[in-house]
Protein backbone atom coordinates (compact mmCIF):
# COMPACT_ATOMS: atom_id res chain seq x y z
CA MET A 1 -26.83 2.86 -19.35
CA LYS A 2 -23.50 1.68 -20.67
CA LYS A 3 -21.32 0.08 -18.04
CA LEU A 4 -17.82 1.43 -17.47
CA ARG A 5 -15.13 -1.10 -18.26
CA VAL A 6 -12.89 -1.50 -15.20
CA LEU A 7 -9.59 -3.25 -15.79
CA VAL A 8 -8.26 -4.80 -12.58
CA LEU A 9 -4.50 -5.11 -12.91
CA CYS A 10 -2.85 -7.71 -10.68
CA GLY A 11 0.29 -9.79 -10.19
CA GLY A 12 3.48 -7.89 -10.95
CA GLN A 13 7.17 -8.57 -10.57
CA SER A 14 7.61 -7.86 -6.87
CA ALA A 15 7.86 -10.28 -3.94
CA GLU A 16 4.23 -9.38 -3.17
CA HIS A 17 2.93 -10.97 -6.39
CA ALA A 18 0.86 -13.63 -4.61
CA VAL A 19 -0.76 -11.10 -2.26
CA SER A 20 -1.81 -9.03 -5.27
CA LEU A 21 -3.79 -11.95 -6.71
CA VAL A 22 -5.82 -12.31 -3.52
CA SER A 23 -6.42 -8.55 -3.38
CA ALA A 24 -7.60 -8.61 -7.01
CA ARG A 25 -10.15 -11.31 -6.21
CA SER A 26 -11.64 -9.12 -3.47
CA VAL A 27 -11.74 -6.02 -5.69
CA LEU A 28 -13.51 -7.95 -8.45
CA ALA A 29 -16.01 -9.30 -5.92
CA GLY A 30 -16.68 -5.74 -4.71
CA LEU A 31 -17.30 -4.23 -8.15
CA ASP A 32 -20.96 -3.33 -8.61
CA SER A 33 -22.00 -5.31 -11.69
CA ARG A 34 -24.85 -2.88 -12.34
CA ARG A 35 -22.36 -0.07 -12.93
CA TYR A 36 -19.17 -1.78 -14.07
CA ALA A 37 -18.01 -4.45 -16.49
CA ALA A 38 -14.90 -6.11 -15.06
CA ARG A 39 -11.76 -6.99 -16.97
CA LEU A 40 -8.84 -8.87 -15.38
CA VAL A 41 -5.24 -8.48 -16.55
CA HIS A 42 -2.40 -10.39 -14.94
CA ILE A 43 1.24 -9.26 -15.05
CA ASP A 44 3.48 -12.28 -14.58
CA ARG A 45 6.79 -12.31 -12.71
CA GLN A 46 8.65 -11.58 -15.95
CA GLY A 47 6.53 -8.49 -16.66
CA ARG A 48 4.33 -9.96 -19.42
CA TRP A 49 0.69 -8.84 -19.55
CA ARG A 50 -2.20 -11.27 -20.18
CA ARG A 51 -5.99 -11.26 -20.20
CA SER A 52 -7.23 -13.57 -17.47
CA ARG A 53 -10.39 -14.84 -15.82
CA ARG A 54 -11.46 -14.06 -12.28
CA GLU A 55 -12.35 -17.73 -11.75
CA LEU A 56 -8.63 -18.52 -11.72
CA LEU A 57 -8.02 -16.35 -8.65
CA THR A 58 -8.21 -17.83 -5.17
CA ASP A 59 -8.49 -16.36 -1.70
CA HIS A 60 -5.31 -17.99 -0.42
CA VAL A 61 -1.85 -16.48 -0.85
CA GLY A 62 -0.13 -19.86 -1.05
CA SER A 63 -2.24 -21.09 -3.98
CA ARG A 64 -1.07 -21.90 -7.51
CA ALA A 65 -3.24 -19.24 -9.11
CA ALA A 66 -0.28 -17.51 -10.74
CA ALA A 67 0.55 -20.56 -12.87
CA ALA A 68 -3.03 -20.83 -14.14
CA LEU A 69 -3.12 -17.11 -14.95
CA CYS A 70 -0.02 -17.46 -17.13
CA LYS A 71 -1.57 -19.85 -19.66
CA SER A 72 -3.05 -17.18 -21.93
CA ARG A 73 -1.05 -15.42 -24.64
CA PRO A 74 1.00 -12.34 -23.61
CA LEU A 75 -0.22 -9.11 -25.21
CA PRO A 76 1.15 -5.55 -25.43
CA PRO A 77 -0.04 -3.36 -22.54
CA SER A 78 -1.36 -0.79 -25.03
CA GLU A 79 -3.70 -3.37 -26.56
CA LEU A 80 -5.07 -4.42 -23.19
CA LEU A 81 -5.47 -0.86 -21.94
CA ALA A 82 -7.47 0.07 -25.04
CA ASP A 83 -10.23 -2.15 -23.67
CA ALA A 84 -10.56 -0.14 -20.42
CA ASP A 85 -12.36 3.01 -19.32
CA VAL A 86 -10.53 3.00 -15.98
CA VAL A 87 -7.77 0.87 -14.47
CA PHE A 88 -7.73 -0.38 -10.88
CA PRO A 89 -4.10 -1.33 -10.16
CA VAL A 90 -3.93 -3.93 -7.39
CA LEU A 91 -0.14 -4.22 -7.55
CA HIS A 92 1.79 -4.27 -4.31
CA GLY A 93 5.46 -3.33 -4.07
CA PRO A 94 8.05 -2.32 -6.69
CA LEU A 95 7.10 -2.06 -10.36
CA GLY A 96 3.47 -1.57 -9.48
CA GLU A 97 2.97 0.56 -6.39
CA ASP A 98 6.01 2.80 -6.86
CA GLY A 99 4.91 5.07 -9.71
CA THR A 100 6.20 2.94 -12.59
CA VAL A 101 2.86 1.52 -13.69
CA GLN A 102 1.20 4.85 -12.87
CA GLY A 103 3.61 6.53 -15.29
CA LEU A 104 2.68 4.05 -18.01
CA LEU A 105 -1.01 4.72 -17.46
CA GLU A 106 -0.39 8.47 -17.63
CA LEU A 107 1.42 8.02 -20.96
CA CYS A 108 -1.50 5.96 -22.25
CA ALA A 109 -3.99 8.61 -21.01
CA VAL A 110 -6.00 6.02 -19.07
CA PRO A 111 -7.74 6.96 -15.80
CA TYR A 112 -6.53 4.88 -12.87
CA VAL A 113 -7.35 4.39 -9.21
CA GLY A 114 -5.04 5.58 -6.45
CA CYS A 115 -2.09 7.90 -6.08
CA GLY A 116 -0.32 9.49 -9.03
CA VAL A 117 3.27 9.00 -10.12
CA LEU A 118 4.88 11.19 -7.47
CA GLY A 119 2.63 10.14 -4.60
CA SER A 120 3.17 6.48 -5.43
CA ALA A 121 6.94 6.89 -5.60
CA LEU A 122 7.09 8.84 -2.33
CA GLY A 123 4.88 6.38 -0.51
CA MET A 124 7.03 3.45 -1.59
CA ASP A 125 10.39 4.97 -0.64
CA LYS A 126 10.67 4.85 3.16
CA GLU A 127 13.75 7.08 3.24
CA ILE A 128 12.37 9.93 1.15
CA SER A 129 8.94 9.80 2.79
CA LYS A 130 10.56 10.04 6.23
CA ARG A 131 12.65 13.02 5.15
CA LEU A 132 9.61 14.90 3.90
CA CYS A 133 7.53 14.06 6.96
CA ILE A 134 10.28 15.14 9.35
CA HIS A 135 10.52 18.45 7.47
CA ALA A 136 6.75 18.85 7.89
CA GLY A 137 6.93 18.19 11.62
CA LEU A 138 5.56 14.66 11.83
CA PRO A 139 6.97 12.46 14.63
CA ILE A 140 9.42 9.97 13.09
CA LEU A 141 11.57 7.44 14.97
CA PRO A 142 15.36 7.78 14.58
CA TYR A 143 16.59 5.93 11.50
CA ALA A 144 19.58 5.54 9.21
CA VAL A 145 19.99 4.63 5.54
CA LEU A 146 22.38 1.85 4.55
CA ARG A 147 23.85 1.48 1.08
CA HIS A 148 26.94 -0.59 1.94
CA PRO A 149 26.83 -3.56 4.35
CA GLU A 150 30.14 -2.68 5.98
CA HIS A 151 28.57 0.44 7.52
CA ALA A 152 25.79 -1.47 9.25
CA ALA A 153 27.51 -2.03 12.60
CA ALA A 154 28.37 1.64 13.10
CA LEU A 155 24.83 2.72 12.25
CA ALA A 156 23.35 0.12 14.58
CA ARG A 157 25.50 1.34 17.49
CA ARG A 158 24.32 4.87 16.83
CA LEU A 159 20.65 3.85 16.86
CA GLY A 160 20.82 1.39 19.76
CA TRP A 161 18.98 -1.90 20.20
CA PRO A 162 16.55 -3.11 19.11
CA ILE A 163 16.42 -1.98 15.50
CA PHE A 164 14.35 -2.97 12.51
CA VAL A 165 16.22 -3.62 9.27
CA LYS A 166 14.06 -3.33 6.17
CA PRO A 167 14.27 -2.75 2.40
CA ALA A 168 13.59 0.91 1.67
CA ARG A 169 11.13 0.13 -1.13
CA MET A 170 9.12 -2.95 -0.26
CA GLY A 171 5.91 -3.75 1.58
CA SER A 172 4.07 -6.52 3.42
CA SER A 173 7.02 -6.84 5.82
CA VAL A 174 9.01 -8.61 3.10
CA GLY A 175 12.71 -8.62 4.00
CA VAL A 176 12.11 -7.05 7.44
CA THR A 177 13.97 -8.33 10.51
CA LYS A 178 13.95 -7.25 14.13
CA VAL A 179 17.54 -7.17 15.40
CA GLU A 180 18.33 -7.18 19.12
CA ARG A 181 22.08 -7.77 19.14
CA MET A 182 25.10 -7.43 16.89
CA GLY A 183 25.24 -11.13 16.03
CA GLN A 184 21.86 -10.89 14.30
CA LEU A 185 22.75 -7.85 12.22
CA GLY A 186 24.65 -9.46 9.35
CA PRO A 187 21.92 -11.95 8.37
CA ALA A 188 19.27 -9.23 8.67
CA VAL A 189 21.18 -6.88 6.38
CA ARG A 190 21.75 -9.64 3.83
CA GLU A 191 18.05 -10.50 3.88
CA ALA A 192 17.02 -6.88 3.29
CA PHE A 193 19.55 -6.45 0.47
CA ARG A 194 17.88 -9.35 -1.34
CA TYR A 195 14.99 -7.00 -2.13
CA ASP A 196 16.52 -3.54 -2.47
CA ASP A 197 19.88 -1.80 -2.83
CA LYS A 198 18.88 0.74 -0.19
CA ILE A 199 18.13 -0.31 3.38
CA VAL A 200 16.45 1.54 6.23
CA MET A 201 17.56 0.80 9.79
CA GLU A 202 15.03 2.09 12.28
CA GLN A 203 15.09 2.37 16.04
CA GLY A 204 12.63 -0.02 17.68
CA VAL A 205 10.29 0.84 20.54
CA PRO A 206 7.78 -1.27 22.49
CA ALA A 207 4.69 -0.25 20.58
CA ARG A 208 1.17 -0.99 19.49
CA GLU A 209 0.64 -1.01 15.73
CA ILE A 210 -2.15 1.41 14.80
CA GLU A 211 -3.54 1.90 11.29
CA CYS A 212 -5.86 4.45 9.68
CA ALA A 213 -7.35 4.42 6.18
CA VAL A 214 -7.53 7.55 4.02
CA LEU A 215 -9.91 8.09 1.11
CA GLY A 216 -10.67 11.04 -1.13
CA ASP A 217 -9.49 14.09 -3.03
CA PRO A 218 -7.13 16.23 -0.91
CA TRP A 219 -8.11 19.34 -2.87
CA ALA A 220 -11.89 18.88 -2.71
CA LYS A 221 -13.96 21.60 -1.05
CA PRO A 222 -15.71 20.90 2.27
CA GLY A 223 -19.01 19.18 1.67
CA ASP A 224 -17.84 17.51 -1.54
CA PRO A 225 -18.91 13.82 -1.45
CA LEU A 226 -15.34 12.88 -2.39
CA GLU A 227 -13.55 15.17 0.06
CA LEU A 228 -10.62 13.66 1.94
CA ARG A 229 -11.60 11.56 4.92
CA ALA A 230 -9.88 9.38 7.51
CA SER A 231 -11.45 6.19 8.81
CA ILE A 232 -11.68 5.03 12.38
CA CYS A 233 -8.44 3.56 13.75
CA GLY A 234 -7.59 -0.12 13.89
CA GLU A 235 -4.93 -2.07 15.72
CA ILE A 236 -2.79 -5.00 14.61
CA ALA A 237 -1.97 -7.25 17.55
CA PRO A 238 0.52 -9.78 16.12
CA ARG A 239 1.15 -13.03 17.94
CA THR A 240 4.77 -12.82 16.81
CA GLU A 241 7.25 -10.08 17.76
CA PHE A 242 5.99 -7.92 14.91
CA TYR A 243 3.58 -8.19 12.01
CA THR A 244 5.58 -10.42 9.67
CA TYR A 245 4.65 -11.50 6.13
CA ALA A 246 3.73 -14.95 7.46
CA ALA A 247 1.52 -13.47 10.18
CA LYS A 248 -0.24 -11.30 7.59
CA TYR A 249 -0.93 -13.83 4.90
CA LEU A 250 0.09 -17.40 5.73
CA ASP A 251 -0.98 -17.96 9.33
CA PRO A 252 -4.73 -17.49 9.97
CA GLN A 253 -3.92 -17.03 13.66
CA GLY A 254 -0.91 -14.76 13.04
CA ALA A 255 -2.51 -11.63 14.44
CA GLU A 256 -5.65 -10.21 15.94
CA LEU A 257 -7.19 -7.28 14.06
CA LYS A 258 -8.96 -4.90 16.42
CA VAL A 259 -11.43 -2.56 14.74
CA PRO A 260 -11.90 -0.08 16.23
CA ALA A 261 -8.66 0.13 18.18
CA GLY A 262 -9.04 0.56 21.91
CA LEU A 263 -7.70 4.10 22.07
CA PRO A 264 -8.62 7.21 24.06
CA ALA A 265 -10.67 9.58 21.92
CA ALA A 266 -7.89 12.20 21.87
CA THR A 267 -5.30 9.64 20.71
CA ALA A 268 -7.56 8.34 17.95
CA ALA A 269 -8.27 11.89 16.78
CA ARG A 270 -4.54 12.64 16.72
CA VAL A 271 -3.83 9.54 14.62
CA ARG A 272 -6.53 10.51 12.13
CA THR A 273 -5.17 14.06 11.88
CA LEU A 274 -1.63 12.80 11.32
CA ALA A 275 -2.85 10.32 8.69
CA LEU A 276 -4.47 13.11 6.66
CA HIS A 277 -1.40 15.32 7.13
CA ALA A 278 0.99 12.62 5.93
CA PHE A 279 -1.24 11.85 2.95
CA ARG A 280 -1.12 15.48 1.82
CA ILE A 281 2.61 15.84 2.46
CA LEU A 282 3.35 12.79 0.31
CA ASP A 283 1.14 13.98 -2.55
CA GLY A 284 -1.47 11.30 -1.97
CA TYR A 285 -4.66 10.99 -3.95
CA GLY A 286 -7.54 8.55 -3.79
CA MET A 287 -6.41 6.08 -1.17
CA ALA A 288 -3.72 5.05 1.27
CA ARG A 289 -3.35 3.29 4.59
CA ALA A 290 -1.30 5.20 7.14
CA ASP A 291 0.58 3.15 9.75
CA PHE A 292 1.62 4.36 13.19
CA LEU A 293 3.39 3.10 16.29
CA LEU A 294 1.99 3.95 19.71
CA ASP A 295 4.76 3.76 22.32
CA ARG A 296 3.55 1.57 25.19
CA ASN A 297 5.80 3.35 27.69
CA THR A 298 5.33 7.00 26.80
CA GLY A 299 2.08 7.06 24.82
CA LYS A 300 3.82 8.95 22.02
CA ILE A 301 2.51 8.42 18.49
CA TRP A 302 5.11 7.80 15.78
CA PHE A 303 4.28 7.95 12.09
CA ASN A 304 5.68 4.89 10.33
CA GLU A 305 4.65 4.87 6.64
CA VAL A 306 1.85 5.02 4.10
CA ASN A 307 0.82 2.25 1.75
CA THR A 308 -0.61 3.70 -1.44
CA ILE A 309 -2.05 0.39 -2.71
CA PRO A 310 -3.00 -1.29 0.54
CA GLY A 311 -4.10 -4.89 0.67
CA PHE A 312 -7.69 -5.68 -0.34
CA THR A 313 -7.75 -9.26 0.91
CA SER A 314 -10.53 -10.53 3.18
CA ILE A 315 -8.37 -9.81 6.24
CA SER A 316 -6.84 -6.53 5.03
CA MET A 317 -7.21 -3.48 7.22
CA TYR A 318 -8.01 -0.91 4.51
CA PRO A 319 -11.42 -2.24 3.42
CA ARG A 320 -12.21 -3.39 6.93
CA LEU A 321 -11.57 0.04 8.43
CA TRP A 322 -13.87 1.62 5.87
CA LYS A 323 -16.56 -0.99 6.39
CA GLU A 324 -16.56 -0.22 10.12
CA SER A 325 -16.62 3.49 9.23
CA GLY A 326 -19.82 3.01 7.23
CA VAL A 327 -18.43 2.48 3.71
CA ASP A 328 -18.86 -1.09 2.46
CA ALA A 329 -16.68 -2.65 -0.25
CA PRO A 330 -18.89 -1.86 -3.29
CA GLU A 331 -19.27 1.77 -2.21
CA LEU A 332 -15.55 2.05 -1.43
CA ILE A 333 -14.57 0.75 -4.85
CA HIS A 334 -17.18 2.99 -6.51
CA ARG A 335 -15.75 6.08 -4.80
CA LEU A 336 -12.21 5.13 -5.79
CA ILE A 337 -13.29 4.85 -9.43
CA LEU A 338 -15.09 8.21 -9.26
CA LEU A 339 -11.91 9.75 -7.87
CA ALA A 340 -9.86 8.26 -10.70
CA LEU A 341 -12.22 9.70 -13.30
CA ARG A 342 -12.27 13.10 -11.58
CA ARG A 343 -8.49 13.39 -11.60
CA HIS A 344 -8.29 12.26 -15.22
CA ARG A 345 -10.80 14.90 -16.32
CA ALA A 346 -8.91 17.60 -14.47
CA ARG A 347 -5.55 16.60 -15.91
CA SER A 348 -6.94 16.19 -19.42
CA ARG A 349 -7.72 19.90 -19.48
CA LEU A 350 -4.09 20.81 -18.93
CA GLN A 351 -1.95 21.80 -21.90
CA THR A 352 1.36 20.06 -22.46
CA ALA A 353 2.81 22.79 -24.66
CA PRO A 354 2.25 26.57 -25.11
């Protein structure tokens, strides 16, 4: 049987470039070599595409893998994509997770893993995703959108302390600051504006960080092997005030990952229901990790965001949640590829003109 050629696409131009390389290593390790022939393509920080070798990847975010991956000759994306039966984008953040690369793959008529153009864009934009989820009745903490720094103080007074200041379209806690008083606001706003021209300011609550993984086809019929499912719940217990970039990727002791989360059965069921609901609202397909806040004082569950290309590192919650739910890494990656091929077949039947 001929093996399907799976092109793992990593790197990218976002601040999460280094995380992507570690995720790509894990995806390549999880590909079943009996079914799939792996290809690795690295996008450098300037947006140039290159064939690369998996041996150059490491399992440490602070490594120099990116420099080694950049030694091969840049090639046109179309040439590299011609060598693939399906693409597995492992690109975190802007220009990778936000619908841009997904649009390119659609134009090239190449099947790809994960959410489509719209779902990817909605998942990346914290403002628009919150608007849609509020309209659909999901519980969302009070927030405000900042475009001009001079409006920050007035918005902060309206929200009350503490607040979280974050880029609207970034992940991995890059550019995020917890602000507890007015004197901290200016530096936090400047830090967030380094990564985006739109900022979200969100009311903070004393909360546990709960996560749930989603996998499947939201339009599949009940009983379909690829029907939409939610994993068990996990909890991030950071040893810092919140789950920072350093705690996630640079400090091995930065947080404790609790899988399953110690939740009452009714609370866990509610989180899983909300995760599936948010996934459908935001036009998800294939995979996402849904993040929630569980108020320590009131017990209320707040929906925070979805990540449409969640981390696949050895400590990442998405593959770990599925492993503890009975789906190991090779089977998880296999299902994601099957989902990509299913969507591509369905869309290929559609006419583009009368």
